[in-house]
Amino acid sequence: MKILMFGRGTIAMLYGWALEKAGNQVDFYVRPGRAAQYGPEVDLRIQDGRAAARG
């Protein structure tokens, strides 16, 4: 499925990452001025607290 996310904030990035991992094609619409500010890639580091809780 093709999905279009609006903006590239924290929420959109996390949902976009999860949807992409589920096999979807995700694109982001960002205002032209902001797109130049963000650049072509985002370094997303997600910490899964469940792994630490299992010990």
PDB file of N, CA and C in Angstrom:
ATOM      1  N   MET A   1       0.842  -1.164   0.000  1.00  0.00           N
ATOM      2  CA  MET A   1       0.000   0.000   0.000  1.00  0.00           C
ATOM      3  C   MET A   1       0.894   1.236   0.000  1.00  0.00           C
ATOM      4  N   LYS A   2       0.479   2.255  -0.711  1.00  0.00           N
ATOM      5  CA  LYS A   2       1.193   3.531  -0.715  1.00  0.00           C
ATOM      6  C   LYS A   2       0.562   4.453   0.312  1.00  0.00           C
ATOM      7  N   ILE A   3       1.393   5.038   1.169  1.00  0.00           N
ATOM      8  CA  ILE A   3       0.907   5.910   2.238  1.00  0.00           C
ATOM      9  C   ILE A   3       1.641   7.241   2.154  1.00  0.00           C
ATOM     10  N   LEU A   4       0.897   8.336   2.289  1.00  0.00           N
ATOM     11  CA  LEU A   4       1.473   9.673   2.289  1.00  0.00           C
ATOM     12  C   LEU A   4       1.322  10.264   3.679  1.00  0.00           C
ATOM     13  N   MET A   5       2.436  10.596   4.302  1.00  0.00           N
ATOM     14  CA  MET A   5       2.435  11.217   5.622  1.00  0.00           C
ATOM     15  C   MET A   5       2.643  12.716   5.423  1.00  0.00           C
ATOM     16  N   PHE A   6       1.948  13.527   6.206  1.00  0.00           N
ATOM     17  CA  PHE A   6       2.089  14.977   6.125  1.00  0.00           C
ATOM     18  C   PHE A   6       2.989  15.443   7.256  1.00  0.00           C
ATOM     19  N   GLY A   7       4.102  16.076   6.891  1.00  0.00           N
ATOM     20  CA  GLY A   7       5.064  16.558   7.874  1.00  0.00           C
ATOM     21  C   GLY A   7       6.114  15.497   8.171  1.00  0.00           C
ATOM     22  N   ARG A   8       7.160  15.933   8.884  1.00  0.00           N
ATOM     23  CA  ARG A   8       8.228  15.005   9.254  1.00  0.00           C
ATOM     24  C   ARG A   8       8.604  15.201  10.714  1.00  0.00           C
ATOM     25  N   GLY A   9       7.596  15.344  11.527  1.00  0.00           N
ATOM     26  CA  GLY A   9       7.822  15.470  12.956  1.00  0.00           C
ATOM     27  C   GLY A   9       7.976  14.091  13.594  1.00  0.00           C
ATOM     28  N   THR A  10       8.068  14.065  14.885  1.00  0.00           N
ATOM     29  CA  THR A  10       8.291  12.827  15.619  1.00  0.00           C
ATOM     30  C   THR A  10       7.192  11.807  15.380  1.00  0.00           C
ATOM     31  N   ILE A  11       5.951  12.225  15.478  1.00  0.00           N
ATOM     32  CA  ILE A  11       4.830  11.299  15.324  1.00  0.00           C
ATOM     33  C   ILE A  11       4.789  10.729  13.906  1.00  0.00           C
ATOM     34  N   ALA A  12       4.886  11.594  12.905  1.00  0.00           N
ATOM     35  CA  ALA A  12       4.857  11.128  11.515  1.00  0.00           C
ATOM     36  C   ALA A  12       6.021  10.190  11.219  1.00  0.00           C
ATOM     37  N   MET A  13       7.191  10.482  11.774  1.00  0.00           N
ATOM     38  CA  MET A  13       8.352   9.628  11.525  1.00  0.00           C
ATOM     39  C   MET A  13       8.174   8.250  12.160  1.00  0.00           C
ATOM     40  N   LEU A  14       7.671   8.195  13.383  1.00  0.00           N
ATOM     41  CA  LEU A  14       7.476   6.899  14.043  1.00  0.00           C
ATOM     42  C   LEU A  14       6.419   6.059  13.335  1.00  0.00           C
ATOM     43  N   TYR A  15       5.300   6.687  12.980  1.00  0.00           N
ATOM     44  CA  TYR A  15       4.270   5.945  12.259  1.00  0.00           C
ATOM     45  C   TYR A  15       4.774   5.534  10.873  1.00  0.00           C
ATOM     46  N   GLY A  16       5.470   6.424  10.201  1.00  0.00           N
ATOM     47  CA  GLY A  16       6.026   6.098   8.891  1.00  0.00           C
ATOM     48  C   GLY A  16       7.000   4.936   8.963  1.00  0.00           C
ATOM     49  N   TRP A  17       7.842   4.926   9.977  1.00  0.00           N
ATOM     50  CA  TRP A  17       8.803   3.834  10.172  1.00  0.00           C
ATOM     51  C   TRP A  17       8.078   2.511  10.396  1.00  0.00           C
ATOM     52  N   ALA A  18       7.071   2.525  11.265  1.00  0.00           N
ATOM     53  CA  ALA A  18       6.321   1.298  11.566  1.00  0.00           C
ATOM     54  C   ALA A  18       5.561   0.799  10.340  1.00  0.00           C
ATOM     55  N   LEU A  19       4.956   1.708   9.601  1.00  0.00           N
ATOM     56  CA  LEU A  19       4.219   1.317   8.396  1.00  0.00           C
ATOM     57  C   LEU A  19       5.157   0.768   7.329  1.00  0.00           C
ATOM     58  N   GLU A  20       6.349   1.354   7.211  1.00  0.00           N
ATOM     59  CA  GLU A  20       7.316   0.864   6.235  1.00  0.00           C
ATOM     60  C   GLU A  20       7.833  -0.528   6.614  1.00  0.00           C
ATOM     61  N   LYS A  21       8.064  -0.753   7.909  1.00  0.00           N
ATOM     62  CA  LYS A  21       8.497  -2.074   8.367  1.00  0.00           C
ATOM     63  C   LYS A  21       7.429  -3.137   8.117  1.00  0.00           C
ATOM     64  N   ALA A  22       6.170  -2.710   8.056  1.00  0.00           N
ATOM     65  CA  ALA A  22       5.068  -3.631   7.801  1.00  0.00           C
ATOM     66  C   ALA A  22       4.890  -3.909   6.303  1.00  0.00           C
ATOM     67  N   GLY A  23       5.761  -3.307   5.479  1.00  0.00           N
ATOM     68  CA  GLY A  23       5.743  -3.602   4.054  1.00  0.00           C
ATOM     69  C   GLY A  23       5.056  -2.570   3.179  1.00  0.00           C
ATOM     70  N   ASN A  24       4.753  -1.419   3.704  1.00  0.00           N
ATOM     71  CA  ASN A  24       4.103  -0.365   2.931  1.00  0.00           C
ATOM     72  C   ASN A  24       5.130   0.598   2.351  1.00  0.00           C
ATOM     73  N   GLN A  25       4.737   1.289   1.289  1.00  0.00           N
ATOM     74  CA  GLN A  25       5.585   2.337   0.711  1.00  0.00           C
ATOM     75  C   GLN A  25       5.141   3.661   1.313  1.00  0.00           C
ATOM     76  N   VAL A  26       6.037   4.321   2.038  1.00  0.00           N
ATOM     77  CA  VAL A  26       5.689   5.544   2.757  1.00  0.00           C
ATOM     78  C   VAL A  26       6.452   6.726   2.160  1.00  0.00           C
ATOM     79  N   ASP A  27       5.706   7.787   1.836  1.00  0.00           N
ATOM     80  CA  ASP A  27       6.297   9.044   1.379  1.00  0.00           C
ATOM     81  C   ASP A  27       5.845  10.142   2.324  1.00  0.00           C
ATOM     82  N   PHE A  28       6.660  11.194   2.424  1.00  0.00           N
ATOM     83  CA  PHE A  28       6.364  12.305   3.317  1.00  0.00           C
ATOM     84  C   PHE A  28       6.183  13.574   2.504  1.00  0.00           C
ATOM     85  N   TYR A  29       5.113  14.320   2.796  1.00  0.00           N
ATOM     86  CA  TYR A  29       4.921  15.627   2.195  1.00  0.00           C
ATOM     87  C   TYR A  29       5.393  16.660   3.211  1.00  0.00           C
ATOM     88  N   VAL A  30       6.372  17.443   2.802  1.00  0.00           N
ATOM     89  CA  VAL A  30       6.930  18.470   3.678  1.00  0.00           C
ATOM     90  C   VAL A  30       6.962  19.773   2.883  1.00  0.00           C
ATOM     91  N   ARG A  31       6.606  20.872   3.534  1.00  0.00           N
ATOM     92  CA  ARG A  31       6.648  22.177   2.858  1.00  0.00           C
ATOM     93  C   ARG A  31       8.041  22.417   2.297  1.00  0.00           C
ATOM     94  N   PRO A  32       8.133  23.047   1.112  1.00  0.00           N
ATOM     95  CA  PRO A  32       9.421  23.233   0.453  1.00  0.00           C
ATOM     96  C   PRO A  32      10.503  23.865   1.336  1.00  0.00           C
ATOM     97  N   GLY A  33      10.194  24.871   2.108  1.00  0.00           N
ATOM     98  CA  GLY A  33      11.193  25.501   2.978  1.00  0.00           C
ATOM     99  C   GLY A  33      11.702  24.548   4.051  1.00  0.00           C
ATOM    100  N   ARG A  34      10.811  23.738   4.579  1.00  0.00           N
ATOM    101  CA  ARG A  34      11.191  22.778   5.615  1.00  0.00           C
ATOM    102  C   ARG A  34      11.955  21.594   5.030  1.00  0.00           C
ATOM    103  N   ALA A  35      11.617  21.191   3.809  1.00  0.00           N
ATOM    104  CA  ALA A  35      12.293  20.060   3.176  1.00  0.00           C
ATOM    105  C   ALA A  35      13.787  20.326   3.045  1.00  0.00           C
ATOM    106  N   ALA A  36      14.154  21.545   2.670  1.00  0.00           N
ATOM    107  CA  ALA A  36      15.566  21.902   2.553  1.00  0.00           C
ATOM    108  C   ALA A  36      16.234  21.896   3.926  1.00  0.00           C
ATOM    109  N   GLN A  37      15.505  22.252   4.942  1.00  0.00           N
ATOM    110  CA  GLN A  37      16.038  22.287   6.302  1.00  0.00           C
ATOM    111  C   GLN A  37      16.282  20.870   6.838  1.00  0.00           C
ATOM    112  N   TYR A  38      15.383  19.924   6.524  1.00  0.00           N
ATOM    113  CA  TYR A  38      15.499  18.554   7.022  1.00  0.00           C
ATOM    114  C   TYR A  38      16.550  17.729   6.293  1.00  0.00           C
ATOM    115  N   GLY A  39      16.681  17.895   4.986  1.00  0.00           N
ATOM    116  CA  GLY A  39      17.586  17.072   4.206  1.00  0.00           C
ATOM    117  C   GLY A  39      16.888  15.801   3.739  1.00  0.00           C
ATOM    118  N   PRO A  40      17.582  14.959   2.977  1.00  0.00           N
ATOM    119  CA  PRO A  40      16.942  13.796   2.362  1.00  0.00           C
ATOM    120  C   PRO A  40      16.730  12.598   3.303  1.00  0.00           C
ATOM    121  N   GLU A  41      17.428  12.540   4.425  1.00  0.00           N
ATOM    122  CA  GLU A  41      17.333  11.371   5.300  1.00  0.00           C
ATOM    123  C   GLU A  41      17.129  11.791   6.747  1.00  0.00           C
ATOM    124  N   VAL A  42      16.618  10.848   7.526  1.00  0.00           N
ATOM    125  CA  VAL A  42      16.445  11.054   8.961  1.00  0.00           C
ATOM    126  C   VAL A  42      17.086   9.879   9.680  1.00  0.00           C
ATOM    127  N   ASP A  43      17.894  10.171  10.675  1.00  0.00           N
ATOM    128  CA  ASP A  43      18.507   9.126  11.482  1.00  0.00           C
ATOM    129  C   ASP A  43      17.558   8.826  12.641  1.00  0.00           C
ATOM    130  N   LEU A  44      16.859   7.714  12.559  1.00  0.00           N
ATOM    131  CA  LEU A  44      15.849   7.371  13.545  1.00  0.00           C
ATOM    132  C   LEU A  44      16.375   6.252  14.433  1.00  0.00           C
ATOM    133  N   ARG A  45      16.483   6.528  15.713  1.00  0.00           N
ATOM    134  CA  ARG A  45      16.941   5.525  16.682  1.00  0.00           C
ATOM    135  C   ARG A  45      15.805   5.269  17.664  1.00  0.00           C
ATOM    136  N   ILE A  46      15.315   4.051  17.670  1.00  0.00           N
ATOM    137  CA  ILE A  46      14.193   3.704  18.524  1.00  0.00           C
ATOM    138  C   ILE A  46      14.679   2.729  19.577  1.00  0.00           C
ATOM    139  N   GLN A  47      14.402   3.048  20.825  1.00  0.00           N
ATOM    140  CA  GLN A  47      14.804   2.180  21.934  1.00  0.00           C
ATOM    141  C   GLN A  47      13.572   1.401  22.390  1.00  0.00           C
ATOM    142  N   ASP A  48      13.683   0.083  22.363  1.00  0.00           N
ATOM    143  CA  ASP A  48      12.580  -0.778  22.773  1.00  0.00           C
ATOM    144  C   ASP A  48      12.773  -1.137  24.240  1.00  0.00           C
ATOM    145  N   GLY A  49      11.982  -0.550  25.098  1.00  0.00           N
ATOM    146  CA  GLY A  49      12.104  -0.778  26.540  1.00  0.00           C
ATOM    147  C   GLY A  49      11.667  -2.163  26.956  1.00  0.00           C
ATOM    148  N   ARG A  50      10.940  -2.882  26.097  1.00  0.00           N
ATOM    149  CA  ARG A  50      10.484  -4.216  26.465  1.00  0.00           C
ATOM    150  C   ARG A  50      11.649  -5.181  26.610  1.00  0.00           C
ATOM    151  N   ALA A  51      12.699  -5.020  25.824  1.00  0.00           N
ATOM    152  CA  ALA A  51      13.839  -5.915  25.887  1.00  0.00           C
ATOM    153  C   ALA A  51      14.544  -5.786  27.248  1.00  0.00           C
ATOM    154  N   ALA A  52      14.661  -4.582  27.771  1.00  0.00           N
ATOM    155  CA  ALA A  52      15.309  -4.365  29.054  1.00  0.00           C
ATOM    156  C   ALA A  52      14.459  -4.898  30.209  1.00  0.00           C
ATOM    157  N   ALA A  53      13.147  -4.859  30.056  1.00  0.00           N
ATOM    158  CA  ALA A  53      12.250  -5.314  31.124  1.00  0.00           C
ATOM    159  C   ALA A  53      12.277  -6.828  31.273  1.00  0.00           C
ATOM    160  N   ARG A  54      12.569  -7.546  30.210  1.00  0.00           N
ATOM    161  CA  ARG A  54      12.625  -9.011  30.267  1.00  0.00           C
ATOM    162  C   ARG A  54      13.848  -9.509  30.998  1.00  0.00           C
ATOM    163  N   GLY A  55      14.905  -8.684  30.977  1.00  0.00           N
ATOM    164  CA  GLY A  55      16.137  -8.992  31.692  1.00  0.00           C
ATOM    165  C   GLY A  55      16.858 -10.103  31.127  1.00  0.00           C
TER     166      GLY A  55
END
